[in-house]
Amino acid sequence: MSSEEGRSGPPAPEIAQDTAVGRTPGPASISIFQAFFREDRFFLILSVFIGIFSGLAVVCFRFAIDWCRIYFLGSGAVQSPIRLLLAPTLAGLVIAILVIHVFPLARGSGVNQTKAALYIYNGYIPLKTAVGKFITSALAIGSGHSLGPEDPSLQIGACLASALGRKLRLSRDHMRLIAPVGAAAGLAAAFNAPISAVLFVIEEVIGRWTAGILGSVVLSAVSSVVVMRWFLGSESLFRIPPVELLRPSELIAYAVLGIVGGLASVVFAFGISTLRPLCKGLRPWTQYLQPAIAGLLIGCIAVLGAPQVMGAGYQYMDEAMHGQFTWQFMAILALLKIVATLLSFASGTPGGMFAPTLFIGAMFGAAVGGAEHALLPHLSWSPGTYALIGMGVLFAGFLRAPMTSVFMVLEVSGNYSIIVPVIVANTFAYVISRTLQPTAIFDALSRQDGLELPSMEEQREESILRVEDAMQPPTEVILEAKDTLEKASKLAGQQPGDDVLLVRFSPSGWSSMTREELKSFIEGGKGSQTLESVLAGGGQIPCLHPDQPLDMALRYVDRWPLVPVVNRANLRELEGVITQHDVLERYRDFGGE
């Protein structure tokens, strides 16, 4: 299938040919086919297979990273300085050639590419991208570049889902959603955390959810984790030590961790969003050398005494949780990891930012906890607790996924007793990062690439216009459906005003009538009839409530000249009225604010 065909969306399944007999299905087969394929259950079943394939791909990806690490850096506890220098440098040269000439779409982390597939390309991601991402990211992470496997796994899952959707000729709506379903499967398998994967995809990729979307994403994530655990075991990425909150006064210490983590997140995000366009703006021939130079500098950091900054760094996060480093050294490692990740990512080396973010957070968290304990010895200090909360802090501040950051810590630790310090620290980090760095990192990266993808954070923060913002005070004349036309005419004559009169039914319901219609009914000899009998065949006007979004009113104001806004507790109580003119005027004023 050509890229043009993928972008325009494949034909709907109901027009597919019956390949078994070489003809279009008859009426009976069409009805069965449509009944099966048009319902969400087919997409739910498909989500399970997407999870299985994504889980298998991620298992192979992790094996490839381990093999590359052993091949490039050796399997010994003490690594050769020559290998530390040459491995990331030579791998960077190979990666640059592959990315420039063979896999140009493999560049980047993979999150924005998946969002672009959803919002721009109708779910289309070339299968070649998954192959390229697999090879280049395994080389980069395995050779020691400071990147992680989670984001590439997310994109690999999205690519496989997109390819499967095209093969099955899904409708355009399902094709747009299939990439995020695969993304959740890939991320869940890579991180062994299905809840966090589901939340991240809904919170930062899709931005909305329905029962069908949630069901598909959950099924794909769970099935991929089951496959991953079948091959690699059910152990968490980290050996979590006992964590607890002993005294409520310790929340102040965790608030300080949130502030420090928020500031570190701003520095990290500012460095990436500044250095990346500078590297892209250099002469084209430098693109061949940038990953190699980044690898050489990272190798120098490793040779000078900090090999922990190479690769994803899960092993060293685990050691930090168990107090195997001094707090001063962990603070240095956090700073060096920021530098190493800036070099790797800005140079265009494919790989993810999840693992570096968690590494920086764990080191900063344990370092801040150690420093606080040194200054205030009466504070209980568990490096595992501070490291875990530090992970969530950087996740909330740098990646700007506040809900995911909380559940990620809880899911990894399996201990809900620390939920209060996690929420406190993450809130401080998110607010500080949001204040000092208004544009989230993924939004900044997409705009640098010339893509205007929807910002989920901006959507969460934007003001919402409601019906109460545009409605006018209730009309002076409200007619009762049980009144006769003559009585209604007298009431309308006593209070001249709007041309449209509202009629209230009992026990609930509303309709309307113009003064001209009322006059014509009376002149036609129907003055003794009730409004209810006259309006019985005309139907009732749908009602609105003050707290509803204003766009709800757009569904009705073009068909009814006056729409009642009623109280939710008493549908006969009129709180206001709204017209098409009111809605358009409020939107016009809102656009100028």
Protein backbone atom coordinates (compact mmCIF):
# COMPACT_ATOMS: atom_id res chain seq x y z
CA MET A 1 0.00 0.00 0.00
CA SER A 2 1.36 3.40 -0.92
CA SER A 3 1.74 6.19 1.57
CA GLU A 4 -0.91 8.20 -0.23
CA GLU A 5 -3.38 5.38 0.18
CA GLY A 6 -2.55 5.10 3.87
CA ARG A 7 -3.00 8.80 4.47
CA SER A 8 -6.38 8.94 2.81
CA GLY A 9 -7.62 5.98 4.80
CA PRO A 10 -8.40 2.47 3.52
CA PRO A 11 -11.85 1.56 2.25
CA ALA A 12 -14.45 0.66 4.82
CA PRO A 13 -14.68 -3.08 5.53
CA GLU A 14 -18.28 -3.33 4.38
CA ILE A 15 -17.25 -2.80 0.74
CA ALA A 16 -14.47 -5.37 0.82
CA GLN A 17 -14.66 -8.18 -1.71
CA ASP A 18 -15.41 -11.77 -0.80
CA THR A 19 -11.98 -13.14 -1.73
CA ALA A 20 -13.01 -16.71 -1.10
CA VAL A 21 -15.36 -16.76 -4.06
CA GLY A 22 -14.12 -13.73 -5.99
CA ARG A 23 -17.41 -11.76 -5.88
CA THR A 24 -19.22 -9.20 -3.79
CA PRO A 25 -21.11 -10.81 -0.89
CA GLY A 26 -24.86 -11.17 -1.21
CA PRO A 27 -27.39 -9.35 1.00
CA ALA A 28 -27.37 -11.97 3.76
CA SER A 29 -23.59 -12.10 4.01
CA ILE A 30 -23.38 -8.30 3.90
CA SER A 31 -25.77 -7.93 6.85
CA ILE A 32 -23.83 -10.44 8.96
CA PHE A 33 -20.51 -8.90 7.91
CA GLN A 34 -21.66 -5.37 8.73
CA ALA A 35 -23.25 -6.40 12.01
CA PHE A 36 -19.97 -7.93 13.11
CA PHE A 37 -17.54 -5.32 11.83
CA ARG A 38 -19.52 -2.20 12.66
CA GLU A 39 -19.70 -2.98 16.34
CA ASP A 40 -17.00 -2.12 18.82
CA ARG A 41 -16.52 -5.75 19.79
CA PHE A 42 -14.45 -6.42 16.68
CA PHE A 43 -12.14 -3.56 17.60
CA LEU A 44 -11.91 -4.96 21.14
CA ILE A 45 -10.92 -8.39 19.81
CA LEU A 46 -8.42 -6.78 17.47
CA SER A 47 -6.92 -4.89 20.42
CA VAL A 48 -6.00 -8.18 22.08
CA PHE A 49 -4.05 -9.30 19.01
CA ILE A 50 -2.38 -5.89 18.80
CA GLY A 51 -1.27 -6.37 22.40
CA ILE A 52 0.08 -9.85 21.68
CA PHE A 53 2.10 -8.74 18.64
CA SER A 54 3.35 -5.62 20.42
CA GLY A 55 4.37 -7.64 23.46
CA LEU A 56 6.37 -10.05 21.30
CA ALA A 57 8.04 -7.14 19.51
CA VAL A 58 9.02 -5.47 22.79
CA VAL A 59 10.44 -8.72 24.14
CA CYS A 60 12.62 -8.99 21.04
CA PHE A 61 13.56 -5.32 21.41
CA ARG A 62 14.74 -5.82 24.98
CA PHE A 63 16.76 -8.86 23.97
CA ALA A 64 18.33 -6.82 21.17
CA ILE A 65 19.31 -4.03 23.59
CA ASP A 66 20.88 -6.54 26.01
CA TRP A 67 22.77 -8.22 23.20
CA CYS A 68 24.07 -4.89 21.91
CA ARG A 69 25.16 -3.84 25.39
CA ILE A 70 27.10 -7.08 25.91
CA TYR A 71 28.63 -6.90 22.44
CA PHE A 72 29.64 -3.23 22.63
CA LEU A 73 30.45 -2.72 26.31
CA GLY A 74 31.20 -6.24 27.50
CA SER A 75 29.64 -8.29 30.26
CA GLY A 76 32.21 -7.70 32.98
CA ALA A 77 31.66 -5.64 36.12
CA VAL A 78 34.58 -3.39 35.18
CA GLN A 79 34.31 -1.95 31.69
CA SER A 80 37.25 -1.09 29.48
CA PRO A 81 37.82 2.67 28.99
CA ILE A 82 38.46 2.02 25.29
CA ARG A 83 35.05 0.40 24.93
CA LEU A 84 33.36 3.16 26.86
CA LEU A 85 34.78 5.70 24.40
CA LEU A 86 34.54 3.78 21.12
CA ALA A 87 31.19 1.97 21.53
CA PRO A 88 28.85 5.00 21.60
CA THR A 89 31.04 6.87 19.10
CA LEU A 90 31.11 4.17 16.41
CA ALA A 91 27.49 3.26 17.04
CA GLY A 92 26.62 6.94 16.59
CA LEU A 93 28.22 6.93 13.12
CA VAL A 94 26.26 3.84 12.07
CA ILE A 95 23.03 5.24 13.50
CA ALA A 96 23.48 8.54 11.65
CA ILE A 97 23.92 6.76 8.32
CA LEU A 98 20.87 4.57 8.93
CA VAL A 99 18.66 7.47 10.00
CA ILE A 100 19.71 9.77 7.15
CA HIS A 101 19.63 7.25 4.30
CA VAL A 102 17.44 4.30 5.33
CA PHE A 103 15.09 5.14 8.22
CA PRO A 104 14.46 8.90 8.26
CA LEU A 105 11.22 8.52 10.24
CA ALA A 106 12.98 6.70 13.08
CA ARG A 107 14.36 9.96 14.48
CA GLY A 108 12.92 11.22 17.77
CA SER A 109 11.34 9.57 20.77
CA GLY A 110 8.17 8.23 19.11
CA VAL A 111 5.44 9.94 21.16
CA ASN A 112 4.89 12.88 18.82
CA GLN A 113 5.11 10.60 15.79
CA THR A 114 2.26 8.52 17.20
CA LYS A 115 0.19 11.65 17.88
CA ALA A 116 0.86 12.80 14.30
CA ALA A 117 -0.46 9.48 13.01
CA LEU A 118 -3.66 10.02 14.99
CA TYR A 119 -4.29 13.66 14.11
CA ILE A 120 -2.64 14.13 10.70
CA TYR A 121 -2.12 10.87 8.82
CA ASN A 122 -5.35 9.01 9.64
CA GLY A 123 -3.51 6.38 11.65
CA TYR A 124 -0.91 5.64 8.98
CA ILE A 125 2.62 4.76 10.14
CA PRO A 126 4.86 2.89 7.67
CA LEU A 127 5.92 -0.54 8.91
CA LYS A 128 9.45 0.41 7.87
CA THR A 129 9.45 2.91 10.74
CA ALA A 130 9.05 0.11 13.28
CA VAL A 131 12.00 -1.75 11.76
CA GLY A 132 14.12 1.38 11.79
CA LYS A 133 13.15 2.29 15.32
CA PHE A 134 13.94 -1.23 16.50
CA ILE A 135 17.41 -1.32 14.95
CA THR A 136 18.61 2.23 15.63
CA SER A 137 17.26 2.47 19.18
CA ALA A 138 18.71 -0.92 20.14
CA LEU A 139 22.11 0.20 18.80
CA ALA A 140 21.88 3.55 20.59
CA ILE A 141 20.76 2.29 23.99
CA GLY A 142 22.92 -0.82 23.89
CA SER A 143 26.05 1.16 23.02
CA GLY A 144 25.56 3.59 25.90
CA HIS A 145 23.70 6.60 24.57
CA SER A 146 21.65 8.16 27.35
CA LEU A 147 18.20 7.17 26.10
CA GLY A 148 15.47 4.71 27.07
CA PRO A 149 13.44 1.93 25.43
CA GLU A 150 9.93 2.97 26.50
CA ASP A 151 9.20 5.65 23.89
CA PRO A 152 10.56 3.53 20.99
CA SER A 153 8.49 0.59 22.25
CA LEU A 154 5.45 2.85 22.19
CA GLN A 155 6.09 3.74 18.56
CA ILE A 156 6.86 0.16 17.57
CA GLY A 157 3.51 -0.93 19.01
CA ALA A 158 1.76 1.90 17.16
CA CYS A 159 3.45 0.90 13.87
CA LEU A 160 2.40 -2.74 14.21
CA ALA A 161 -1.16 -1.70 15.03
CA SER A 162 -1.27 0.63 12.02
CA ALA A 163 -0.01 -2.10 9.70
CA LEU A 164 -2.58 -4.57 11.03
CA GLY A 165 -5.37 -2.02 10.64
CA ARG A 166 -4.44 -1.39 7.00
CA LYS A 167 -4.30 -5.10 6.34
CA LEU A 168 -7.82 -5.52 7.69
CA ARG A 169 -9.05 -2.43 5.81
CA LEU A 170 -10.52 -0.74 8.87
CA SER A 171 -12.64 2.37 8.58
CA ARG A 172 -11.00 5.77 8.91
CA ASP A 173 -12.27 6.35 12.46
CA HIS A 174 -10.86 3.06 13.67
CA MET A 175 -7.60 3.61 11.80
CA ARG A 176 -7.10 6.88 13.63
CA LEU A 177 -7.52 5.18 16.99
CA ILE A 178 -5.56 2.03 16.28
CA ALA A 179 -2.14 3.69 16.60
CA PRO A 180 -2.74 4.82 20.22
CA VAL A 181 -4.05 1.33 21.03
CA GLY A 182 -0.76 -0.13 19.81
CA ALA A 183 1.15 2.61 21.61
CA ALA A 184 -0.41 1.61 24.92
CA ALA A 185 0.53 -2.02 24.29
CA GLY A 186 4.14 -1.15 23.48
CA LEU A 187 4.57 1.14 26.47
CA ALA A 188 2.92 -1.31 28.87
CA ALA A 189 5.22 -4.13 27.79
CA ALA A 190 8.33 -1.96 27.97
CA PHE A 191 7.57 -0.61 31.41
CA ASN A 192 5.69 -3.61 32.82
CA ALA A 193 3.03 -1.18 34.02
CA PRO A 194 -0.31 -1.47 32.19
CA ILE A 195 -2.17 1.13 34.28
CA SER A 196 0.47 3.80 33.70
CA ALA A 197 0.57 3.00 29.99
CA VAL A 198 -3.20 3.32 29.66
CA LEU A 199 -3.25 6.62 31.54
CA PHE A 200 -0.35 8.10 29.57
CA VAL A 201 -1.86 7.26 26.18
CA ILE A 202 -5.27 8.64 27.16
CA GLU A 203 -3.80 11.66 28.97
CA GLU A 204 -1.13 12.70 26.45
CA VAL A 205 -1.84 11.03 23.10
CA ILE A 206 -5.61 10.69 22.66
CA GLY A 207 -6.71 13.40 25.09
CA ARG A 208 -10.21 11.97 25.48
CA TRP A 209 -11.81 8.65 26.17
CA THR A 210 -15.02 6.77 25.73
CA ALA A 211 -16.01 3.30 26.88
CA GLY A 212 -14.88 1.86 23.55
CA ILE A 213 -11.52 3.66 23.54
CA LEU A 214 -10.81 2.78 27.15
CA GLY A 215 -11.74 -0.87 26.60
CA SER A 216 -9.49 -1.20 23.56
CA VAL A 217 -6.53 0.51 25.21
CA VAL A 218 -6.87 -1.56 28.39
CA LEU A 219 -7.15 -4.87 26.51
CA SER A 220 -4.09 -4.14 24.37
CA ALA A 221 -2.02 -3.05 27.37
CA VAL A 222 -2.97 -6.03 29.50
CA SER A 223 -2.44 -8.59 26.74
CA SER A 224 0.99 -7.15 25.90
CA VAL A 225 2.06 -7.30 29.55
CA VAL A 226 0.89 -10.91 29.79
CA VAL A 227 3.02 -11.81 26.77
CA MET A 228 6.03 -9.91 28.12
CA ARG A 229 5.77 -11.59 31.52
CA TRP A 230 5.45 -14.99 29.86
CA PHE A 231 8.93 -14.58 28.39
CA LEU A 232 10.69 -12.27 30.85
CA GLY A 233 8.94 -12.96 34.14
CA SER A 234 6.65 -10.81 36.25
CA GLU A 235 9.36 -9.04 38.25
CA SER A 236 9.22 -5.26 38.34
CA LEU A 237 11.97 -3.19 36.78
CA PHE A 238 13.17 -2.34 40.29
CA ARG A 239 13.55 -4.25 43.54
CA ILE A 240 11.41 -1.94 45.63
CA PRO A 241 12.50 -1.71 49.29
CA PRO A 242 9.90 -1.13 52.02
CA VAL A 243 8.57 2.42 51.70
CA GLU A 244 6.41 4.31 54.16
CA LEU A 245 5.43 7.70 55.53
CA LEU A 246 6.11 7.75 59.26
CA ARG A 247 5.07 11.27 60.30
CA PRO A 248 2.83 13.84 58.59
CA SER A 249 5.52 16.50 59.21
CA GLU A 250 7.66 14.74 56.61
CA LEU A 251 5.32 16.10 53.94
CA ILE A 252 7.30 19.35 54.16
CA ALA A 253 10.42 17.45 53.15
CA TYR A 254 8.60 15.91 50.18
CA ALA A 255 7.27 19.34 49.21
CA VAL A 256 10.89 20.54 49.07
CA LEU A 257 11.66 17.56 46.83
CA GLY A 258 8.80 18.64 44.57
CA ILE A 259 10.21 22.17 44.33
CA VAL A 260 13.73 20.94 43.52
CA GLY A 261 12.36 18.43 41.01
CA GLY A 262 10.20 21.10 39.37
CA LEU A 263 13.23 23.37 38.90
CA ALA A 264 15.28 20.47 37.55
CA SER A 265 12.47 19.65 35.11
CA VAL A 266 12.50 23.22 33.80
CA VAL A 267 16.27 23.13 33.27
CA PHE A 268 16.03 19.76 31.52
CA ALA A 269 13.17 20.83 29.24
CA PHE A 270 14.77 24.18 28.46
CA GLY A 271 18.04 22.46 27.54
CA ILE A 272 16.38 20.05 25.11
CA SER A 273 14.09 22.63 23.50
CA THR A 274 17.08 24.98 23.04
CA LEU A 275 19.88 22.60 22.03
CA ARG A 276 17.85 20.47 19.61
CA PRO A 277 17.04 23.25 17.09
CA LEU A 278 20.63 24.48 17.30
CA CYS A 279 21.93 21.04 16.31
CA LYS A 280 19.33 20.73 13.52
CA GLY A 281 20.33 24.15 12.20
CA LEU A 282 23.97 23.21 11.65
CA ARG A 283 25.32 22.35 8.21
CA PRO A 284 23.81 19.15 6.74
CA TRP A 285 27.10 17.24 6.72
CA THR A 286 27.33 17.62 10.51
CA GLN A 287 24.26 15.38 10.86
CA TYR A 288 26.55 12.42 10.16
CA LEU A 289 28.84 13.36 13.06
CA GLN A 290 26.48 14.65 15.72
CA PRO A 291 25.43 11.25 17.20
CA ALA A 292 29.08 10.15 17.17
CA ILE A 293 30.25 13.32 18.92
CA ALA A 294 27.47 12.95 21.48
CA GLY A 295 28.52 9.33 22.03
CA LEU A 296 32.17 10.35 22.45
CA LEU A 297 31.30 12.98 25.07
CA ILE A 298 29.12 10.50 26.94
CA GLY A 299 31.99 8.02 26.83
CA CYS A 300 34.28 10.67 28.32
CA ILE A 301 31.83 11.19 31.18
CA ALA A 302 31.84 7.43 31.77
CA VAL A 303 35.64 7.16 31.70
CA LEU A 304 35.97 10.06 34.14
CA GLY A 305 34.02 8.13 36.76
CA ALA A 306 30.31 8.08 35.93
CA PRO A 307 29.53 5.09 33.68
CA GLN A 308 26.09 5.03 35.33
CA VAL A 309 24.85 7.72 32.91
CA MET A 310 25.15 5.36 29.94
CA GLY A 311 22.09 3.58 28.60
CA ALA A 312 18.73 3.43 30.36
CA GLY A 313 20.27 3.06 33.82
CA TYR A 314 17.69 0.79 35.47
CA GLN A 315 20.36 -1.08 37.40
CA TYR A 316 21.68 2.11 38.97
CA MET A 317 18.23 3.38 39.86
CA ASP A 318 17.76 0.13 41.73
CA GLU A 319 21.07 0.64 43.54
CA ALA A 320 20.11 4.19 44.47
CA MET A 321 16.88 2.91 46.03
CA HIS A 322 18.89 0.58 48.23
CA GLY A 323 21.27 3.27 49.46
CA GLN A 324 24.40 2.13 47.61
CA PHE A 325 25.45 5.69 46.66
CA THR A 326 26.10 8.76 48.77
CA TRP A 327 23.64 11.58 48.36
CA GLN A 328 26.38 13.86 47.00
CA PHE A 329 27.29 11.36 44.27
CA MET A 330 23.62 10.87 43.35
CA ALA A 331 23.22 14.63 42.91
CA ILE A 332 26.23 14.63 40.57
CA LEU A 333 24.82 11.65 38.64
CA ALA A 334 21.50 13.47 38.17
CA LEU A 335 23.24 16.53 36.71
CA LEU A 336 25.49 14.42 34.46
CA LYS A 337 22.49 12.41 33.25
CA ILE A 338 20.80 15.65 32.19
CA VAL A 339 23.90 16.59 30.19
CA ALA A 340 24.23 13.12 28.63
CA THR A 341 20.55 12.99 27.65
CA LEU A 342 20.74 16.47 26.14
CA LEU A 343 23.67 15.34 23.99
CA SER A 344 22.03 12.14 22.83
CA PHE A 345 18.55 13.48 22.12
CA ALA A 346 19.57 16.80 20.56
CA SER A 347 21.95 15.02 18.18
CA GLY A 348 19.01 13.18 16.60
CA THR A 349 19.84 9.75 18.03
CA PRO A 350 16.65 7.66 18.17
CA GLY A 351 15.56 6.76 21.67
CA GLY A 352 13.22 7.67 24.47
CA MET A 353 13.16 10.15 27.33
CA PHE A 354 11.16 8.09 29.83
CA ALA A 355 14.09 6.17 31.30
CA PRO A 356 16.41 9.22 31.57
CA THR A 357 13.60 11.13 33.25
CA LEU A 358 13.12 8.35 35.81
CA PHE A 359 16.90 8.11 36.36
CA ILE A 360 17.23 11.84 36.99
CA GLY A 361 14.21 11.78 39.27
CA ALA A 362 15.45 8.82 41.28
CA MET A 363 18.91 10.35 41.79
CA PHE A 364 17.58 13.80 42.63
CA GLY A 365 14.97 12.32 44.95
CA ALA A 366 17.43 10.22 46.93
CA ALA A 367 19.97 13.09 46.97
CA VAL A 368 17.44 15.59 48.30
CA GLY A 369 16.32 13.08 50.91
CA GLY A 370 19.91 12.46 51.98
CA ALA A 371 20.66 16.19 52.21
CA GLU A 372 17.52 16.82 54.27
CA HIS A 373 18.44 13.98 56.63
CA ALA A 374 21.96 15.37 57.01
CA LEU A 375 20.56 18.79 57.95
CA LEU A 376 17.67 17.45 60.05
CA PRO A 377 18.71 14.07 61.48
CA HIS A 378 15.37 13.58 63.26
CA LEU A 379 13.71 13.06 59.85
CA SER A 380 13.38 9.43 58.90
CA TRP A 381 15.20 8.81 55.63
CA SER A 382 14.46 5.95 53.28
CA PRO A 383 16.40 6.35 50.01
CA GLY A 384 13.92 4.03 48.32
CA THR A 385 10.96 6.24 49.23
CA TYR A 386 12.66 9.44 48.12
CA ALA A 387 13.93 7.85 44.90
CA LEU A 388 10.46 6.56 44.00
CA ILE A 389 8.80 9.89 44.69
CA GLY A 390 11.59 11.63 42.79
CA MET A 391 10.73 9.53 39.74
CA GLY A 392 7.16 10.73 39.87
CA VAL A 393 8.27 14.32 40.44
CA LEU A 394 10.40 14.45 37.28
CA PHE A 395 7.71 12.61 35.33
CA ALA A 396 5.13 15.19 36.38
CA GLY A 397 7.43 18.17 35.86
CA PHE A 398 9.26 17.22 32.68
CA LEU A 399 6.80 15.06 30.74
CA ARG A 400 3.85 16.98 32.22
CA ALA A 401 1.65 13.94 32.77
CA PRO A 402 0.41 14.57 36.34
CA MET A 403 -2.08 11.69 36.62
CA THR A 404 0.26 9.17 35.03
CA SER A 405 3.09 10.25 37.33
CA VAL A 406 1.08 9.42 40.45
CA PHE A 407 -0.13 6.02 39.29
CA MET A 408 3.28 5.15 37.87
CA VAL A 409 4.87 5.44 41.32
CA LEU A 410 2.04 3.50 42.95
CA GLU A 411 2.12 0.78 40.29
CA VAL A 412 5.88 0.35 40.45
CA SER A 413 6.03 0.34 44.25
CA GLY A 414 2.81 -1.55 44.91
CA ASN A 415 2.48 0.53 48.09
CA TYR A 416 -0.44 2.92 48.41
CA SER A 417 0.70 4.23 51.80
CA ILE A 418 2.91 6.79 50.04
CA ILE A 419 0.13 8.25 47.89
CA VAL A 420 -0.06 11.46 49.95
CA PRO A 421 3.64 12.42 49.61
CA VAL A 422 3.53 11.43 45.93
CA ILE A 423 0.58 13.75 45.26
CA VAL A 424 2.12 16.60 47.28
CA ALA A 425 5.54 16.42 45.62
CA ASN A 426 4.17 15.90 42.11
CA THR A 427 1.78 18.83 42.48
CA PHE A 428 4.60 21.19 43.44
CA ALA A 429 6.73 19.97 40.55
CA TYR A 430 3.93 20.26 38.00
CA VAL A 431 2.87 23.75 39.08
CA ILE A 432 6.45 25.06 39.07
CA SER A 433 7.19 23.51 35.68
CA ARG A 434 3.93 24.80 34.23
CA THR A 435 4.67 28.31 35.52
CA LEU A 436 8.30 28.58 34.42
CA GLN A 437 8.05 26.54 31.19
CA PRO A 438 4.58 27.26 29.73
CA THR A 439 5.01 24.93 26.74
CA ALA A 440 5.25 21.21 27.53
CA ILE A 441 8.26 19.41 26.09
CA PHE A 442 6.32 17.25 23.60
CA ASP A 443 4.43 20.31 22.35
CA ALA A 444 7.69 22.24 21.95
CA LEU A 445 9.29 19.39 19.99
CA SER A 446 6.32 19.00 17.64
CA ARG A 447 6.28 22.73 16.88
CA GLN A 448 10.01 22.67 16.18
CA ASP A 449 9.24 19.99 13.58
CA GLY A 450 6.57 22.17 11.97
CA LEU A 451 3.62 20.16 13.32
CA GLU A 452 0.74 21.77 15.14
CA LEU A 453 -0.47 18.81 17.16
CA PRO A 454 -3.16 19.37 19.79
CA SER A 455 -1.69 20.19 23.17
CA MET A 456 -3.44 18.07 25.78
CA GLU A 457 -2.13 20.32 28.52
CA GLU A 458 -3.45 23.45 26.83
CA GLN A 459 -6.80 21.76 26.35
CA ARG A 460 -6.92 20.93 30.06
CA GLU A 461 -6.07 24.53 30.99
CA GLU A 462 -8.25 26.43 28.54
CA SER A 463 -11.40 28.16 29.72
CA ILE A 464 -14.73 26.55 28.89
CA LEU A 465 -17.69 28.64 27.86
CA ARG A 466 -20.94 27.48 29.38
CA VAL A 467 -24.58 28.14 28.60
CA GLU A 468 -24.84 30.50 31.58
CA ASP A 469 -22.18 32.73 29.98
CA ALA A 470 -24.45 33.51 27.01
CA MET A 471 -28.01 33.11 28.27
CA GLN A 472 -30.32 36.08 28.76
CA PRO A 473 -32.74 36.66 31.69
CA PRO A 474 -36.05 34.76 31.52
CA THR A 475 -38.75 36.18 29.27
CA GLU A 476 -41.45 38.27 30.94
CA VAL A 477 -44.28 36.19 29.52
CA ILE A 478 -44.43 32.45 30.25
CA LEU A 479 -47.59 30.72 29.09
CA GLU A 480 -48.97 27.57 30.68
CA ALA A 481 -49.97 24.70 28.38
CA LYS A 482 -53.32 24.29 30.19
CA ASP A 483 -54.32 27.91 29.45
CA THR A 484 -56.72 28.67 26.63
CA LEU A 485 -55.60 30.64 23.62
CA GLU A 486 -57.75 33.59 24.68
CA LYS A 487 -56.14 33.73 28.14
CA ALA A 488 -52.71 33.38 26.56
CA SER A 489 -53.50 36.28 24.24
CA LYS A 490 -54.51 38.50 27.16
CA LEU A 491 -51.28 37.67 29.06
CA ALA A 492 -49.21 38.34 25.98
CA GLY A 493 -51.01 41.62 25.37
CA GLN A 494 -50.44 42.82 28.93
CA GLN A 495 -46.67 42.34 28.64
CA PRO A 496 -45.51 43.13 25.12
CA GLY A 497 -41.98 42.02 24.47
CA ASP A 498 -40.32 39.20 22.62
CA ASP A 499 -41.99 37.92 19.48
CA VAL A 500 -41.48 34.30 20.62
CA LEU A 501 -43.52 33.09 23.62
CA LEU A 502 -42.50 30.13 25.76
CA VAL A 503 -45.12 27.58 26.78
CA ARG A 504 -44.57 25.50 29.94
CA PHE A 505 -46.01 22.00 30.12
CA SER A 506 -46.83 19.97 33.21
CA PRO A 507 -45.11 18.15 34.86
CA SER A 508 -42.18 19.19 32.62
CA GLY A 509 -41.38 20.19 29.10
CA TRP A 510 -41.38 23.37 27.04
CA SER A 511 -42.62 24.55 23.66
CA SER A 512 -42.90 27.91 21.91
CA MET A 513 -45.29 29.97 19.82
CA THR A 514 -44.93 33.31 18.08
CA ARG A 515 -47.39 36.14 18.69
CA GLU A 516 -48.44 35.95 15.04
CA GLU A 517 -49.27 32.25 15.40
CA LEU A 518 -51.28 32.95 18.53
CA LYS A 519 -53.22 35.70 16.77
CA SER A 520 -53.95 33.51 13.73
CA PHE A 521 -55.26 30.67 15.93
CA ILE A 522 -57.67 32.99 17.69
CA GLU A 523 -58.85 34.52 14.40
CA GLY A 524 -59.44 30.98 13.17
CA GLY A 525 -61.95 30.34 15.94
CA LYS A 526 -59.74 28.28 18.25
CA GLY A 527 -59.72 30.73 21.17
CA SER A 528 -61.40 28.25 23.53
CA GLN A 529 -58.83 25.52 22.91
CA THR A 530 -55.83 25.05 25.20
CA LEU A 531 -52.29 25.69 24.14
CA GLU A 532 -51.52 22.03 24.84
CA SER A 533 -54.06 20.82 22.29
CA VAL A 534 -52.86 23.26 19.65
CA LEU A 535 -49.18 22.47 20.17
CA ALA A 536 -49.60 18.70 20.65
CA GLY A 537 -48.37 17.81 17.20
CA GLY A 538 -45.53 20.32 17.09
CA GLY A 539 -43.21 18.60 19.54
CA GLN A 540 -41.37 20.13 22.47
CA ILE A 541 -38.20 22.20 22.56
CA PRO A 542 -35.14 20.52 24.06
CA CYS A 543 -33.99 22.27 27.23
CA LEU A 544 -30.51 23.32 28.28
CA HIS A 545 -28.96 23.73 31.73
CA PRO A 546 -26.71 26.63 32.81
CA ASP A 547 -23.64 24.47 33.50
CA GLN A 548 -23.59 22.73 30.12
CA PRO A 549 -20.87 23.63 27.57
CA LEU A 550 -21.98 26.39 25.25
CA ASP A 551 -21.41 24.26 22.17
CA MET A 552 -24.40 22.16 23.31
CA ALA A 553 -26.58 25.15 22.48
CA LEU A 554 -25.35 25.13 18.88
CA ARG A 555 -27.26 21.91 18.34
CA TYR A 556 -30.60 23.62 18.96
CA VAL A 557 -30.46 27.38 18.39
CA ASP A 558 -30.51 27.09 14.60
CA ARG A 559 -33.79 25.10 14.71
CA TRP A 560 -35.62 26.90 17.53
CA PRO A 561 -35.55 30.68 17.78
CA LEU A 562 -35.63 30.61 21.59
CA VAL A 563 -34.31 27.77 23.74
CA PRO A 564 -35.20 27.62 27.47
CA VAL A 565 -32.45 27.18 30.09
CA VAL A 566 -33.94 25.39 33.09
CA ASN A 567 -32.94 24.33 36.57
CA ARG A 568 -31.67 20.75 36.93
CA ALA A 569 -33.67 20.21 40.12
CA ASN A 570 -36.90 21.65 38.72
CA LEU A 571 -37.38 21.42 34.98
CA ARG A 572 -40.32 23.86 35.16
CA GLU A 573 -38.14 26.59 36.66
CA LEU A 574 -36.84 28.87 33.90
CA GLU A 575 -33.41 30.33 34.66
CA GLY A 576 -32.87 32.02 31.32
CA VAL A 577 -33.24 31.83 27.57
CA ILE A 578 -30.70 31.62 24.78
CA THR A 579 -30.78 32.37 21.06
CA GLN A 580 -28.45 31.85 18.15
CA HIS A 581 -27.47 35.52 18.30
CA ASP A 582 -26.53 35.18 22.00
CA VAL A 583 -24.30 32.18 21.31
CA LEU A 584 -22.50 33.77 18.37
CA GLU A 585 -21.99 37.05 20.22
CA ARG A 586 -20.46 35.24 23.22
CA TYR A 587 -18.08 33.29 21.01
CA ARG A 588 -17.13 36.52 19.21
CA ASP A 589 -16.40 38.26 22.51
CA PHE A 590 -14.50 35.23 23.80
CA GLY A 591 -12.26 35.21 20.73
CA GLY A 592 -11.21 38.78 21.44
CA GLU A 593 -10.38 38.20 25.10
